[in-house]
Protein backbone atom coordinates (compact mmCIF):
# COMPACT_ATOMS: atom_id res chain seq x y z
CA MET A 1 53.54 15.92 135.04
CA LYS A 2 55.60 12.97 133.85
CA LEU A 3 58.28 13.75 136.41
CA ALA A 4 55.70 14.16 139.16
CA LYS A 5 54.16 10.79 138.31
CA GLU A 6 57.61 9.20 138.48
CA PHE A 7 58.15 10.34 142.08
CA ASP A 8 54.52 10.24 143.22
CA PRO A 9 52.71 7.68 141.03
CA GLN A 10 49.62 7.63 143.25
CA CYS A 11 49.27 11.45 143.13
CA LEU A 12 49.13 11.74 146.91
CA ARG A 13 51.43 14.78 147.20
CA GLN A 14 50.60 16.72 144.04
CA LEU A 15 48.82 20.04 143.79
CA ILE A 16 48.39 21.71 140.41
CA ALA A 17 48.30 25.50 140.07
CA VAL A 18 47.00 26.64 136.68
CA SER A 19 47.15 30.13 135.22
CA LYS A 20 45.42 31.45 132.10
CA ILE A 21 42.77 28.75 132.44
CA ASP A 22 40.56 30.59 129.94
CA LYS A 23 43.20 30.02 127.24
CA TYR A 24 43.14 26.21 127.51
CA ASP A 25 41.15 23.80 125.36
CA LYS A 26 37.57 23.00 126.20
CA GLY A 27 37.35 20.08 128.57
CA ILE A 28 40.38 21.12 130.63
CA ALA A 29 38.15 21.86 133.61
CA GLU A 30 36.91 18.27 133.65
CA LYS A 31 40.45 16.92 133.51
CA LEU A 32 41.59 19.19 136.33
CA LEU A 33 38.59 18.11 138.41
CA GLY A 34 39.60 14.48 137.92
CA ARG A 35 36.84 13.55 135.47
CA GLY A 36 36.94 12.27 131.92
CA PRO A 37 39.69 10.90 129.68
CA GLY A 38 43.19 11.99 130.57
CA ALA A 39 42.15 13.13 134.04
CA MET A 40 44.44 12.82 137.03
CA GLN A 41 43.14 11.93 140.46
CA LEU A 42 45.01 14.40 142.66
CA LYS A 43 44.51 14.06 146.39
CA LEU A 44 45.33 17.75 146.94
CA GLY A 45 43.45 18.95 143.86
CA CYS A 46 43.91 21.90 141.57
CA ILE A 47 43.71 25.66 141.95
CA ALA A 48 43.31 28.33 139.29
CA VAL A 49 45.55 31.38 139.59
CA LEU A 50 44.08 34.68 138.41
CA ASN A 51 46.58 37.17 137.00
CA ARG A 52 45.98 40.53 135.38
CA ASN A 53 47.45 41.32 131.98
CA GLN A 54 49.24 44.64 131.37
CA ASP A 55 46.11 46.37 130.02
CA GLU A 56 44.15 45.38 133.13
CA ILE A 57 46.95 46.68 135.34
CA ASP A 58 47.13 49.96 133.41
CA GLU A 59 43.35 50.37 133.65
CA ASN A 60 43.49 49.59 137.38
CA ILE A 61 40.93 46.80 137.03
CA SER A 62 40.43 45.01 140.34
CA PHE A 63 40.52 41.26 140.82
CA GLU A 64 36.87 41.42 141.90
CA GLU A 65 35.97 42.96 138.54
CA MET A 66 38.06 40.37 136.69
CA LYS A 67 36.21 37.52 138.42
CA LYS A 68 32.92 38.87 137.05
CA ARG A 69 34.12 38.63 133.44
């Protein structure tokens, strides 16, 4: 993020893709939504990427089922 701020200090061209969002500290959602201390105001916003772990792949768990968890 430091490098991105150097080249785009106003955050006009930045989009953040986040994986394993459930593993982050509490309050990360607020920061990614541009609210609270440490938040970044991103014009293009943030998107969460949902990936399956190996057990979920082996058990053939669908992404639809994962979203319900």
